[in-house]
Amino acid sequence: MHYDPARDTSRNSVSAVSNAVERVLLDGDGMSRTLSRIAHEVIERNPDLERVALVGIHTRGVPLAHRLGQLIEERAGVEVPLDASDHTVTPRAGGEGGA
């Protein structure tokens, strides 16, 4: 699914990127091949997969980490622990820069 700023109803203003040319860097097959290669690299470079863990950063990194973990398990027969990290910036109590 591609983001279409022209159809984004969450904003009332016109975006400068609405006139940008869309370019696909990786299609579905390309993404699958890339993830497969990454899984092989993780397996090859880590003989003790029991010491490996995957961490996906919210939001898109979590499904990516799940897919990578599944590929590693399929190829090496080892279930790699998986966690998620949320790096959402939240305002501090007391206003800007306050501690």
C-alpha atoms as a PDB file:
ATOM      1  CA  MET A   1       0.000   0.000   0.000  1.00  0.00           C
ATOM      2  CA  HIS A   2       1.349   3.392  -0.973  1.00  0.00           C
ATOM      3  CA  TYR A   3       0.642   6.620   0.883  1.00  0.00           C
ATOM      4  CA  ASP A   4      -1.239   9.052  -1.333  1.00  0.00           C
ATOM      5  CA  PRO A   5      -1.023  12.567   0.113  1.00  0.00           C
ATOM      6  CA  ALA A   6      -3.744  13.733  -2.293  1.00  0.00           C
ATOM      7  CA  ARG A   7      -6.195  11.356  -0.589  1.00  0.00           C
ATOM      8  CA  ASP A   8      -5.094  12.125   2.967  1.00  0.00           C
ATOM      9  CA  THR A   9      -8.174  13.579   4.658  1.00  0.00           C
ATOM     10  CA  SER A  10      -6.432  14.024   8.015  1.00  0.00           C
ATOM     11  CA  ARG A  11      -5.027  17.379   6.854  1.00  0.00           C
ATOM     12  CA  ASN A  12      -6.800  20.300   5.290  1.00  0.00           C
ATOM     13  CA  SER A  13      -3.765  21.851   3.613  1.00  0.00           C
ATOM     14  CA  VAL A  14      -2.210  20.738   0.339  1.00  0.00           C
ATOM     15  CA  SER A  15       1.104  18.964   0.753  1.00  0.00           C
ATOM     16  CA  ALA A  16       4.182  19.892  -1.266  1.00  0.00           C
ATOM     17  CA  VAL A  17       4.838  16.178  -1.815  1.00  0.00           C
ATOM     18  CA  SER A  18       1.548  15.685  -3.618  1.00  0.00           C
ATOM     19  CA  ASN A  19       3.295  16.662  -6.858  1.00  0.00           C
ATOM     20  CA  ALA A  20       6.322  14.412  -6.242  1.00  0.00           C
ATOM     21  CA  VAL A  21       6.995  11.513  -8.605  1.00  0.00           C
ATOM     22  CA  GLU A  22       6.334   8.176  -6.923  1.00  0.00           C
ATOM     23  CA  ARG A  23       9.205   5.699  -7.106  1.00  0.00           C
ATOM     24  CA  VAL A  24       9.112   2.114  -5.869  1.00  0.00           C
ATOM     25  CA  LEU A  25      12.430   1.122  -4.307  1.00  0.00           C
ATOM     26  CA  LEU A  26      11.497  -2.515  -3.572  1.00  0.00           C
ATOM     27  CA  ASP A  27       8.456  -4.396  -4.773  1.00  0.00           C
ATOM     28  CA  GLY A  28       7.064  -7.395  -2.881  1.00  0.00           C
ATOM     29  CA  ASP A  29       9.453  -9.883  -4.506  1.00  0.00           C
ATOM     30  CA  GLY A  30      12.417  -7.601  -3.911  1.00  0.00           C
ATOM     31  CA  MET A  31      11.487  -7.209  -0.250  1.00  0.00           C
ATOM     32  CA  SER A  32      11.175 -10.989   0.147  1.00  0.00           C
ATOM     33  CA  ARG A  33      14.597 -11.555  -1.425  1.00  0.00           C
ATOM     34  CA  THR A  34      16.162  -8.857   0.746  1.00  0.00           C
ATOM     35  CA  LEU A  35      14.690 -10.270   3.961  1.00  0.00           C
ATOM     36  CA  SER A  36      15.779 -13.775   2.951  1.00  0.00           C
ATOM     37  CA  ARG A  37      19.338 -12.539   2.423  1.00  0.00           C
ATOM     38  CA  ILE A  38      19.329 -10.715   5.768  1.00  0.00           C
ATOM     39  CA  ALA A  39      18.101 -13.892   7.502  1.00  0.00           C
ATOM     40  CA  HIS A  40      20.930 -15.885   5.898  1.00  0.00           C
ATOM     41  CA  GLU A  41      23.464 -13.249   6.979  1.00  0.00           C
ATOM     42  CA  VAL A  42      22.205 -13.348  10.581  1.00  0.00           C
ATOM     43  CA  ILE A  43      22.462 -17.161  10.601  1.00  0.00           C
ATOM     44  CA  GLU A  44      25.922 -17.213   8.965  1.00  0.00           C
ATOM     45  CA  ARG A  45      27.416 -14.556  11.233  1.00  0.00           C
ATOM     46  CA  ASN A  46      25.939 -15.864  14.480  1.00  0.00           C
ATOM     47  CA  PRO A  47      26.787 -19.526  15.055  1.00  0.00           C
ATOM     48  CA  ASP A  48      25.056 -19.382  18.462  1.00  0.00           C
ATOM     49  CA  LEU A  49      21.574 -18.118  17.574  1.00  0.00           C
ATOM     50  CA  GLU A  50      20.538 -18.657  21.193  1.00  0.00           C
ATOM     51  CA  ARG A  51      22.360 -15.371  21.881  1.00  0.00           C
ATOM     52  CA  VAL A  52      20.493 -13.418  19.175  1.00  0.00           C
ATOM     53  CA  ALA A  53      17.381 -11.315  19.704  1.00  0.00           C
ATOM     54  CA  LEU A  54      15.470  -9.148  17.255  1.00  0.00           C
ATOM     55  CA  VAL A  55      14.023  -5.783  18.246  1.00  0.00           C
ATOM     56  CA  GLY A  56      11.511  -4.061  15.995  1.00  0.00           C
ATOM     57  CA  ILE A  57      10.988  -0.328  16.360  1.00  0.00           C
ATOM     58  CA  HIS A  58       7.332   0.698  16.216  1.00  0.00           C
ATOM     59  CA  THR A  59       5.503   0.871  13.928  1.00  0.00           C
ATOM     60  CA  ARG A  60       6.882  -0.650  10.749  1.00  0.00           C
ATOM     61  CA  GLY A  61       9.918  -2.316  12.299  1.00  0.00           C
ATOM     62  CA  VAL A  62       7.820  -4.710  14.368  1.00  0.00           C
ATOM     63  CA  PRO A  63       6.239  -6.601  11.435  1.00  0.00           C
ATOM     64  CA  LEU A  64       9.633  -6.574   9.734  1.00  0.00           C
ATOM     65  CA  ALA A  65      11.265  -8.158  12.802  1.00  0.00           C
ATOM     66  CA  HIS A  66       8.477 -10.783  12.913  1.00  0.00           C
ATOM     67  CA  ARG A  67       9.048 -11.691   9.250  1.00  0.00           C
ATOM     68  CA  LEU A  68      12.797 -11.872   9.759  1.00  0.00           C
ATOM     69  CA  GLY A  69      12.338 -14.040  12.857  1.00  0.00           C
ATOM     70  CA  GLN A  70      10.098 -16.439  10.927  1.00  0.00           C
ATOM     71  CA  LEU A  71      12.677 -16.745   8.149  1.00  0.00           C
ATOM     72  CA  ILE A  72      15.473 -17.458  10.637  1.00  0.00           C
ATOM     73  CA  GLU A  73      13.345 -20.092  12.370  1.00  0.00           C
ATOM     74  CA  GLU A  74      12.452 -21.754   9.041  1.00  0.00           C
ATOM     75  CA  ARG A  75      16.076 -21.877   7.894  1.00  0.00           C
ATOM     76  CA  ALA A  76      17.941 -22.585  11.152  1.00  0.00           C
ATOM     77  CA  GLY A  77      15.251 -24.279  13.242  1.00  0.00           C
ATOM     78  CA  VAL A  78      15.836 -21.837  16.104  1.00  0.00           C
ATOM     79  CA  GLU A  79      13.192 -19.477  17.447  1.00  0.00           C
ATOM     80  CA  VAL A  80      14.830 -16.087  17.983  1.00  0.00           C
ATOM     81  CA  PRO A  81      13.336 -13.952  20.781  1.00  0.00           C
ATOM     82  CA  LEU A  82      11.600 -10.833  19.554  1.00  0.00           C
ATOM     83  CA  ASP A  83      10.773  -7.580  21.286  1.00  0.00           C
ATOM     84  CA  ALA A  84       9.380  -4.213  20.253  1.00  0.00           C
ATOM     85  CA  SER A  85      10.617  -0.755  21.107  1.00  0.00           C
ATOM     86  CA  ASP A  86       8.531   2.407  21.048  1.00  0.00           C
ATOM     87  CA  HIS A  87      10.550   5.597  20.629  1.00  0.00           C
ATOM     88  CA  THR A  88       7.605   7.957  20.663  1.00  0.00           C
ATOM     89  CA  VAL A  89       8.603  11.419  21.801  1.00  0.00           C
ATOM     90  CA  THR A  90       6.355  12.653  24.566  1.00  0.00           C
ATOM     91  CA  PRO A  91       6.409  16.086  26.196  1.00  0.00           C
ATOM     92  CA  ARG A  92       8.013  16.296  29.604  1.00  0.00           C
ATOM     93  CA  ALA A  93       6.023  17.311  32.636  1.00  0.00           C
ATOM     94  CA  GLY A  94       6.321  21.029  33.266  1.00  0.00           C
ATOM     95  CA  GLY A  95       6.413  22.155  29.648  1.00  0.00           C
ATOM     96  CA  GLU A  96       9.222  22.561  27.140  1.00  0.00           C
ATOM     97  CA  GLY A  97      12.588  21.303  28.320  1.00  0.00           C
ATOM     98  CA  GLY A  98      11.362  21.198  31.897  1.00  0.00           C
ATOM     99  CA  ALA A  99      12.522  18.496  34.245  1.00  0.00           C
END
